[in-house]
Amino acid sequence: MSDIITTAVKESMEVSHQTLIKLFDVYKDPDDEDMILTDGIERLCNDLNYQPDEFAILVLAWCLDASQMCRFTKTEFIDGLHKMRADTIANIRLRLEQTIEMLKADSEMFKQLYRFTFRFGLEPDQRVLSLEMAIDLWKLVFTVHSPDLFSNWINFLEKHPNIRRIPKDTWNMYLNFTEQCDINNYDDTEAWPSLFDDFVEYEKNRALELSGIHDDDNNNDDLLQSHVKAGDLHHVS
């Protein structure tokens, strides 16, 4: 979990280690008592009044420094909640709400969450995300912080089936790209991933095509008006 959050709650009420153990026991898997797995996470989300695929649960995973999706280890759960100073469902939800507000205002803090999200989405022994997983995680992590042209970026990825994987470097640098560049000031001589070059070229070509359509429409309108003035068209339905 971010040191920023730890500092923010440092002076809040202390939590009981025994209470945290009891809370873990409520959700632990019956076949693996050192883990909270899918069923337990779903029950935890339900008690928190969140859906498992909501942004708040990604934030919770980050606060717990969870190493893998659909799983909280006993150590992650207890140590993470201890740092959050939360040992009840009500306090966990309160801390999540506070953290989400901080993420909206603090770009450095958001960057930590953003980089965590890539690691969190990896399958065991994987080093890259599948495109499908990357798109889902991009949509999730940008729930409260959607950059300009984000929908264009997702559209570009979905329209190019040859793009199959997103490596860590591309994931990390996409956040820098959204903060520093737009289509007009992008410099392809800088050290950006080639995928960004392709995206910018795609957007420029698309803009030209749209501009051409609009020009054709305007020309057609002008032609229609000239015919009307000349008396060639006596009735337009």
C-alpha atoms as a PDB file:
ATOM      1  CA  MET A   1       0.000   0.000   0.000  1.00  0.00           C
ATOM      2  CA  SER A   2       1.101   3.524  -0.716  1.00  0.00           C
ATOM      3  CA  ASP A   3       3.053   5.302   2.020  1.00  0.00           C
ATOM      4  CA  ILE A   4       0.806   8.278   1.281  1.00  0.00           C
ATOM      5  CA  ILE A   5      -2.213   6.382   2.583  1.00  0.00           C
ATOM      6  CA  THR A   6      -0.315   5.049   5.583  1.00  0.00           C
ATOM      7  CA  THR A   7       0.671   8.587   6.539  1.00  0.00           C
ATOM      8  CA  ALA A   8      -2.861   9.859   6.032  1.00  0.00           C
ATOM      9  CA  VAL A   9      -4.333   7.361   8.511  1.00  0.00           C
ATOM     10  CA  LYS A  10      -1.395   7.165  10.926  1.00  0.00           C
ATOM     11  CA  GLU A  11      -3.100   9.163  13.635  1.00  0.00           C
ATOM     12  CA  SER A  12      -6.447   7.432  13.257  1.00  0.00           C
ATOM     13  CA  MET A  13      -7.710   4.881  15.724  1.00  0.00           C
ATOM     14  CA  GLU A  14      -5.616   1.807  16.409  1.00  0.00           C
ATOM     15  CA  VAL A  15      -6.863  -1.560  15.276  1.00  0.00           C
ATOM     16  CA  SER A  16      -6.857  -4.900  17.016  1.00  0.00           C
ATOM     17  CA  HIS A  17      -4.781  -7.686  15.514  1.00  0.00           C
ATOM     18  CA  GLN A  18      -7.172 -10.247  16.981  1.00  0.00           C
ATOM     19  CA  THR A  19     -10.129  -8.445  15.426  1.00  0.00           C
ATOM     20  CA  LEU A  20      -8.392  -8.557  12.050  1.00  0.00           C
ATOM     21  CA  ILE A  21      -7.816 -12.308  12.413  1.00  0.00           C
ATOM     22  CA  LYS A  22     -11.495 -12.825  13.232  1.00  0.00           C
ATOM     23  CA  LEU A  23     -12.485 -10.718  10.226  1.00  0.00           C
ATOM     24  CA  PHE A  24     -10.201 -12.773   7.985  1.00  0.00           C
ATOM     25  CA  ASP A  25     -11.761 -15.974   9.317  1.00  0.00           C
ATOM     26  CA  VAL A  26     -15.190 -14.804   8.160  1.00  0.00           C
ATOM     27  CA  TYR A  27     -14.070 -14.845   4.535  1.00  0.00           C
ATOM     28  CA  LYS A  28     -11.269 -17.432   4.386  1.00  0.00           C
ATOM     29  CA  ASP A  29     -11.594 -20.409   2.078  1.00  0.00           C
ATOM     30  CA  PRO A  30     -12.682 -23.634   3.814  1.00  0.00           C
ATOM     31  CA  ASP A  31     -10.114 -25.637   1.854  1.00  0.00           C
ATOM     32  CA  ASP A  32      -7.228 -23.190   2.271  1.00  0.00           C
ATOM     33  CA  GLU A  33      -7.334 -21.383   5.577  1.00  0.00           C
ATOM     34  CA  ASP A  34      -4.537 -18.988   4.630  1.00  0.00           C
ATOM     35  CA  MET A  35      -6.433 -17.582   1.644  1.00  0.00           C
ATOM     36  CA  ILE A  36      -9.536 -15.619   0.800  1.00  0.00           C
ATOM     37  CA  LEU A  37     -10.490 -16.886  -2.653  1.00  0.00           C
ATOM     38  CA  THR A  38     -13.236 -16.046  -5.145  1.00  0.00           C
ATOM     39  CA  ASP A  39     -16.237 -16.988  -2.991  1.00  0.00           C
ATOM     40  CA  GLY A  40     -14.858 -15.176   0.036  1.00  0.00           C
ATOM     41  CA  ILE A  41     -14.003 -12.084  -1.984  1.00  0.00           C
ATOM     42  CA  GLU A  42     -17.524 -12.017  -3.411  1.00  0.00           C
ATOM     43  CA  ARG A  43     -18.964 -12.174   0.118  1.00  0.00           C
ATOM     44  CA  LEU A  44     -16.581  -9.438   1.255  1.00  0.00           C
ATOM     45  CA  CYS A  45     -17.617  -7.251  -1.689  1.00  0.00           C
ATOM     46  CA  ASN A  46     -21.268  -7.881  -0.914  1.00  0.00           C
ATOM     47  CA  ASP A  47     -20.761  -6.868   2.725  1.00  0.00           C
ATOM     48  CA  LEU A  48     -18.938  -3.729   1.564  1.00  0.00           C
ATOM     49  CA  ASN A  49     -21.822  -3.039  -0.844  1.00  0.00           C
ATOM     50  CA  TYR A  50     -19.554  -3.107  -3.888  1.00  0.00           C
ATOM     51  CA  GLN A  51     -19.482  -5.270  -6.995  1.00  0.00           C
ATOM     52  CA  PRO A  52     -16.282  -7.335  -7.416  1.00  0.00           C
ATOM     53  CA  ASP A  53     -15.433  -5.491 -10.643  1.00  0.00           C
ATOM     54  CA  GLU A  54     -15.812  -1.972  -9.196  1.00  0.00           C
ATOM     55  CA  PHE A  55     -12.960   0.510  -8.972  1.00  0.00           C
ATOM     56  CA  ALA A  56     -13.152   0.446  -5.162  1.00  0.00           C
ATOM     57  CA  ILE A  57     -12.192  -3.232  -5.093  1.00  0.00           C
ATOM     58  CA  LEU A  58      -9.150  -2.530  -7.248  1.00  0.00           C
ATOM     59  CA  VAL A  59      -8.254   0.157  -4.700  1.00  0.00           C
ATOM     60  CA  LEU A  60      -8.737  -2.374  -1.897  1.00  0.00           C
ATOM     61  CA  ALA A  61      -6.422  -4.841  -3.646  1.00  0.00           C
ATOM     62  CA  TRP A  62      -3.836  -2.068  -3.969  1.00  0.00           C
ATOM     63  CA  CYS A  63      -4.179  -1.122  -0.303  1.00  0.00           C
ATOM     64  CA  LEU A  64      -3.647  -4.775   0.613  1.00  0.00           C
ATOM     65  CA  ASP A  65      -0.772  -5.037  -1.899  1.00  0.00           C
ATOM     66  CA  ALA A  66      -2.423  -8.158  -3.282  1.00  0.00           C
ATOM     67  CA  SER A  67      -0.116 -10.189  -5.489  1.00  0.00           C
ATOM     68  CA  GLN A  68      -2.792 -11.870  -7.593  1.00  0.00           C
ATOM     69  CA  MET A  69      -6.362 -11.349  -8.754  1.00  0.00           C
ATOM     70  CA  CYS A  70      -9.198 -13.239  -7.037  1.00  0.00           C
ATOM     71  CA  ARG A  71      -7.062 -13.944  -3.984  1.00  0.00           C
ATOM     72  CA  PHE A  72      -6.042 -12.267  -0.732  1.00  0.00           C
ATOM     73  CA  THR A  73      -3.532 -14.087   1.430  1.00  0.00           C
ATOM     74  CA  LYS A  74      -3.897 -13.936   5.199  1.00  0.00           C
ATOM     75  CA  THR A  75      -0.765 -11.800   5.448  1.00  0.00           C
ATOM     76  CA  GLU A  76      -1.947  -9.399   2.734  1.00  0.00           C
ATOM     77  CA  PHE A  77      -5.360  -9.030   4.329  1.00  0.00           C
ATOM     78  CA  ILE A  78      -4.248  -8.526   7.920  1.00  0.00           C
ATOM     79  CA  ASP A  79      -1.175  -6.386   7.227  1.00  0.00           C
ATOM     80  CA  GLY A  80      -3.021  -4.284   4.648  1.00  0.00           C
ATOM     81  CA  LEU A  81      -5.997  -3.565   6.883  1.00  0.00           C
ATOM     82  CA  HIS A  82      -3.663  -2.807   9.770  1.00  0.00           C
ATOM     83  CA  LYS A  83      -1.973  -0.132   7.646  1.00  0.00           C
ATOM     84  CA  MET A  84      -5.393   1.172   6.630  1.00  0.00           C
ATOM     85  CA  ARG A  85      -6.417   1.318  10.303  1.00  0.00           C
ATOM     86  CA  ALA A  86      -9.596  -0.567   9.491  1.00  0.00           C
ATOM     87  CA  ASP A  87     -10.843  -3.631  11.342  1.00  0.00           C
ATOM     88  CA  THR A  88     -14.568  -3.485  10.569  1.00  0.00           C
ATOM     89  CA  ILE A  89     -16.544  -3.537   7.343  1.00  0.00           C
ATOM     90  CA  ALA A  90     -17.743   0.007   7.993  1.00  0.00           C
ATOM     91  CA  ASN A  91     -14.192   1.263   8.492  1.00  0.00           C
ATOM     92  CA  ILE A  92     -12.884  -0.537   5.404  1.00  0.00           C
ATOM     93  CA  ARG A  93     -15.547   1.153   3.294  1.00  0.00           C
ATOM     94  CA  LEU A  94     -14.785   4.518   4.893  1.00  0.00           C
ATOM     95  CA  ARG A  95     -11.063   4.140   4.172  1.00  0.00           C
ATOM     96  CA  LEU A  96     -11.781   3.150   0.576  1.00  0.00           C
ATOM     97  CA  GLU A  97     -13.993   6.197   0.071  1.00  0.00           C
ATOM     98  CA  GLN A  98     -11.284   8.437   1.540  1.00  0.00           C
ATOM     99  CA  THR A  99      -8.599   6.837  -0.612  1.00  0.00           C
ATOM    100  CA  ILE A 100     -10.638   7.229  -3.794  1.00  0.00           C
ATOM    101  CA  GLU A 101     -11.037  10.945  -3.091  1.00  0.00           C
ATOM    102  CA  MET A 102      -7.274  11.214  -2.560  1.00  0.00           C
ATOM    103  CA  LEU A 103      -6.628   9.401  -5.840  1.00  0.00           C
ATOM    104  CA  LYS A 104      -8.752  11.929  -7.711  1.00  0.00           C
ATOM    105  CA  ALA A 105      -6.600  14.790  -6.431  1.00  0.00           C
ATOM    106  CA  ASP A 106      -3.102  13.292  -6.270  1.00  0.00           C
ATOM    107  CA  SER A 107      -1.530  12.329  -9.609  1.00  0.00           C
ATOM    108  CA  GLU A 108       1.521  10.708  -7.989  1.00  0.00           C
ATOM    109  CA  MET A 109      -0.692   8.535  -5.836  1.00  0.00           C
ATOM    110  CA  PHE A 110      -2.761   7.574  -8.891  1.00  0.00           C
ATOM    111  CA  LYS A 111       0.439   6.623 -10.714  1.00  0.00           C
ATOM    112  CA  GLN A 112       1.239   4.139  -7.931  1.00  0.00           C
ATOM    113  CA  LEU A 113      -2.203   2.560  -8.281  1.00  0.00           C
ATOM    114  CA  TYR A 114      -1.887   2.548 -12.071  1.00  0.00           C
ATOM    115  CA  ARG A 115       1.447   0.720 -12.023  1.00  0.00           C
ATOM    116  CA  PHE A 116       0.177  -1.748  -9.430  1.00  0.00           C
ATOM    117  CA  THR A 117      -2.756  -2.576 -11.713  1.00  0.00           C
ATOM    118  CA  PHE A 118      -0.487  -4.053 -14.395  1.00  0.00           C
ATOM    119  CA  ARG A 119       1.226  -6.380 -11.930  1.00  0.00           C
ATOM    120  CA  PHE A 120      -2.083  -7.288 -10.328  1.00  0.00           C
ATOM    121  CA  GLY A 121      -3.548  -8.348 -13.670  1.00  0.00           C
ATOM    122  CA  LEU A 122      -0.747 -10.733 -14.615  1.00  0.00           C
ATOM    123  CA  GLU A 123      -1.278 -14.458 -14.562  1.00  0.00           C
ATOM    124  CA  PRO A 124       1.344 -16.424 -12.599  1.00  0.00           C
ATOM    125  CA  ASP A 125       4.659 -16.498 -14.491  1.00  0.00           C
ATOM    126  CA  GLN A 126       3.344 -13.994 -17.048  1.00  0.00           C
ATOM    127  CA  ARG A 127       5.254 -10.845 -18.008  1.00  0.00           C
ATOM    128  CA  VAL A 128       2.723  -9.292 -20.386  1.00  0.00           C
ATOM    129  CA  LEU A 129      -1.033  -8.737 -20.300  1.00  0.00           C
ATOM    130  CA  SER A 130      -3.324 -10.145 -22.929  1.00  0.00           C
ATOM    131  CA  LEU A 131      -4.969  -7.327 -24.873  1.00  0.00           C
ATOM    132  CA  GLU A 132      -8.392  -8.292 -23.513  1.00  0.00           C
ATOM    133  CA  MET A 133      -7.161  -8.118 -19.919  1.00  0.00           C
ATOM    134  CA  ALA A 134      -5.292  -4.861 -20.557  1.00  0.00           C
ATOM    135  CA  ILE A 135      -8.409  -3.212 -21.996  1.00  0.00           C
ATOM    136  CA  ASP A 136     -10.520  -4.362 -19.046  1.00  0.00           C
ATOM    137  CA  LEU A 137      -7.936  -3.066 -16.580  1.00  0.00           C
ATOM    138  CA  TRP A 138      -7.522   0.249 -18.412  1.00  0.00           C
ATOM    139  CA  LYS A 139     -11.284   0.774 -18.273  1.00  0.00           C
ATOM    140  CA  LEU A 140     -11.283  -0.091 -14.574  1.00  0.00           C
ATOM    141  CA  VAL A 141      -8.311   1.965 -13.425  1.00  0.00           C
ATOM    142  CA  PHE A 142      -9.487   5.035 -15.358  1.00  0.00           C
ATOM    143  CA  THR A 143     -12.974   4.888 -13.827  1.00  0.00           C
ATOM    144  CA  VAL A 144     -12.443   8.169 -11.955  1.00  0.00           C
ATOM    145  CA  HIS A 145      -9.577   9.564 -14.020  1.00  0.00           C
ATOM    146  CA  SER A 146     -10.429   9.146 -17.704  1.00  0.00           C
ATOM    147  CA  PRO A 147      -7.861  10.887 -19.949  1.00  0.00           C
ATOM    148  CA  ASP A 148      -8.529  12.674 -23.220  1.00  0.00           C
ATOM    149  CA  LEU A 149      -8.872  10.366 -26.233  1.00  0.00           C
ATOM    150  CA  PHE A 150      -9.233   7.332 -23.953  1.00  0.00           C
ATOM    151  CA  SER A 151     -12.255   6.011 -25.848  1.00  0.00           C
ATOM    152  CA  ASN A 152     -10.296   6.536 -29.091  1.00  0.00           C
ATOM    153  CA  TRP A 153      -7.407   4.506 -27.667  1.00  0.00           C
ATOM    154  CA  ILE A 154      -9.679   1.618 -26.706  1.00  0.00           C
ATOM    155  CA  ASN A 155     -11.400   1.776 -30.097  1.00  0.00           C
ATOM    156  CA  PHE A 156      -8.004   1.639 -31.835  1.00  0.00           C
ATOM    157  CA  LEU A 157      -6.942  -1.421 -29.846  1.00  0.00           C
ATOM    158  CA  GLU A 158     -10.215  -3.245 -30.462  1.00  0.00           C
ATOM    159  CA  LYS A 159     -10.070  -2.594 -34.212  1.00  0.00           C
ATOM    160  CA  HIS A 160      -6.579  -4.087 -34.561  1.00  0.00           C
ATOM    161  CA  PRO A 161      -6.718  -7.817 -33.741  1.00  0.00           C
ATOM    162  CA  ASN A 162      -3.017  -8.140 -34.549  1.00  0.00           C
ATOM    163  CA  ILE A 163      -2.332  -6.368 -31.233  1.00  0.00           C
ATOM    164  CA  ARG A 164      -2.406  -9.279 -28.819  1.00  0.00           C
ATOM    165  CA  ARG A 165      -0.291  -8.320 -25.815  1.00  0.00           C
ATOM    166  CA  ILE A 166       0.572  -5.249 -23.767  1.00  0.00           C
ATOM    167  CA  PRO A 167       4.016  -5.270 -22.111  1.00  0.00           C
ATOM    168  CA  LYS A 168       4.811  -3.430 -18.897  1.00  0.00           C
ATOM    169  CA  ASP A 169       6.695  -0.629 -20.648  1.00  0.00           C
ATOM    170  CA  THR A 170       3.743   0.175 -22.901  1.00  0.00           C
ATOM    171  CA  TRP A 171       1.345   0.063 -19.951  1.00  0.00           C
ATOM    172  CA  ASN A 172       3.464   2.381 -17.817  1.00  0.00           C
ATOM    173  CA  MET A 173       4.219   4.843 -20.605  1.00  0.00           C
ATOM    174  CA  TYR A 174       0.580   5.137 -21.632  1.00  0.00           C
ATOM    175  CA  LEU A 175      -0.045   7.182 -18.480  1.00  0.00           C
ATOM    176  CA  ASN A 176       2.854   9.480 -19.414  1.00  0.00           C
ATOM    177  CA  PHE A 177       1.441   9.722 -22.931  1.00  0.00           C
ATOM    178  CA  THR A 178      -1.960  10.841 -21.641  1.00  0.00           C
ATOM    179  CA  GLU A 179      -0.340  13.478 -19.438  1.00  0.00           C
ATOM    180  CA  GLN A 180       2.157  14.896 -21.940  1.00  0.00           C
ATOM    181  CA  CYS A 181       0.801  14.443 -25.453  1.00  0.00           C
ATOM    182  CA  ASP A 182      -2.111  14.917 -27.742  1.00  0.00           C
ATOM    183  CA  ILE A 183      -2.474  14.044 -31.413  1.00  0.00           C
ATOM    184  CA  ASN A 184      -1.082  17.383 -32.572  1.00  0.00           C
ATOM    185  CA  ASN A 185       2.029  17.684 -30.408  1.00  0.00           C
ATOM    186  CA  TYR A 186       3.074  14.020 -30.468  1.00  0.00           C
ATOM    187  CA  ASP A 187       6.699  13.565 -31.555  1.00  0.00           C
ATOM    188  CA  ASP A 188       7.414  10.115 -32.971  1.00  0.00           C
ATOM    189  CA  THR A 189      11.168  10.734 -32.757  1.00  0.00           C
ATOM    190  CA  GLU A 190      10.948  10.518 -28.975  1.00  0.00           C
ATOM    191  CA  ALA A 191      11.282   7.203 -27.177  1.00  0.00           C
ATOM    192  CA  TRP A 192       7.618   6.204 -27.207  1.00  0.00           C
ATOM    193  CA  PRO A 193       6.492   2.614 -27.831  1.00  0.00           C
ATOM    194  CA  SER A 194       5.754   2.025 -31.511  1.00  0.00           C
ATOM    195  CA  LEU A 195       2.145   1.244 -30.619  1.00  0.00           C
ATOM    196  CA  PHE A 196       1.674   4.928 -29.773  1.00  0.00           C
ATOM    197  CA  ASP A 197       3.076   5.897 -33.194  1.00  0.00           C
ATOM    198  CA  ASP A 198       0.489   3.626 -34.795  1.00  0.00           C
ATOM    199  CA  PHE A 199      -2.308   5.076 -32.667  1.00  0.00           C
ATOM    200  CA  VAL A 200      -1.443   8.681 -33.528  1.00  0.00           C
ATOM    201  CA  GLU A 201      -1.178   7.844 -37.238  1.00  0.00           C
ATOM    202  CA  TYR A 202      -4.530   6.037 -37.066  1.00  0.00           C
ATOM    203  CA  GLU A 203      -6.193   9.034 -35.400  1.00  0.00           C
ATOM    204  CA  LYS A 204      -4.722  11.504 -37.899  1.00  0.00           C
ATOM    205  CA  ASN A 205      -5.904   9.392 -40.831  1.00  0.00           C
ATOM    206  CA  ARG A 206      -9.336   9.045 -39.278  1.00  0.00           C
ATOM    207  CA  ALA A 207      -9.534  12.817 -38.789  1.00  0.00           C
ATOM    208  CA  LEU A 208      -8.604  13.370 -42.441  1.00  0.00           C
ATOM    209  CA  GLU A 209     -11.270  10.922 -43.573  1.00  0.00           C
ATOM    210  CA  LEU A 210     -13.893  12.664 -41.448  1.00  0.00           C
ATOM    211  CA  SER A 211     -12.735  16.025 -42.753  1.00  0.00           C
ATOM    212  CA  GLY A 212     -13.089  14.743 -46.311  1.00  0.00           C
ATOM    213  CA  ILE A 213     -16.628  13.550 -45.634  1.00  0.00           C
ATOM    214  CA  HIS A 214     -17.541  16.946 -44.218  1.00  0.00           C
ATOM    215  CA  ASP A 215     -15.960  18.696 -47.203  1.00  0.00           C
ATOM    216  CA  ASP A 216     -17.962  16.487 -49.568  1.00  0.00           C
ATOM    217  CA  ASP A 217     -21.144  17.271 -47.638  1.00  0.00           C
ATOM    218  CA  ASN A 218     -20.424  20.993 -47.854  1.00  0.00           C
ATOM    219  CA  ASN A 219     -19.713  20.712 -51.581  1.00  0.00           C
ATOM    220  CA  ASN A 220     -22.980  18.840 -52.092  1.00  0.00           C
ATOM    221  CA  ASP A 221     -24.841  21.529 -50.156  1.00  0.00           C
ATOM    222  CA  ASP A 222     -23.248  24.233 -52.310  1.00  0.00           C
ATOM    223  CA  LEU A 223     -24.179  22.319 -55.458  1.00  0.00           C
ATOM    224  CA  LEU A 224     -27.763  21.932 -54.276  1.00  0.00           C
ATOM    225  CA  GLN A 225     -28.036  25.645 -53.528  1.00  0.00           C
ATOM    226  CA  SER A 226     -26.673  26.541 -56.971  1.00  0.00           C
ATOM    227  CA  HIS A 227     -29.288  24.324 -58.620  1.00  0.00           C
ATOM    228  CA  VAL A 228     -32.042  25.877 -56.539  1.00  0.00           C
ATOM    229  CA  LYS A 229     -30.909  29.383 -57.479  1.00  0.00           C
ATOM    230  CA  ALA A 230     -30.744  28.398 -61.161  1.00  0.00           C
ATOM    231  CA  GLY A 231     -34.246  27.005 -61.044  1.00  0.00           C
ATOM    232  CA  ASP A 232     -33.137  23.464 -61.826  1.00  0.00           C
ATOM    233  CA  LEU A 233     -34.913  22.140 -58.713  1.00  0.00           C
ATOM    234  CA  HIS A 234     -38.504  23.292 -58.407  1.00  0.00           C
ATOM    235  CA  HIS A 235     -39.491  21.111 -55.478  1.00  0.00           C
ATOM    236  CA  VAL A 236     -37.414  19.591 -52.732  1.00  0.00           C
ATOM    237  CA  SER A 237     -39.291  17.073 -50.609  1.00  0.00           C
END
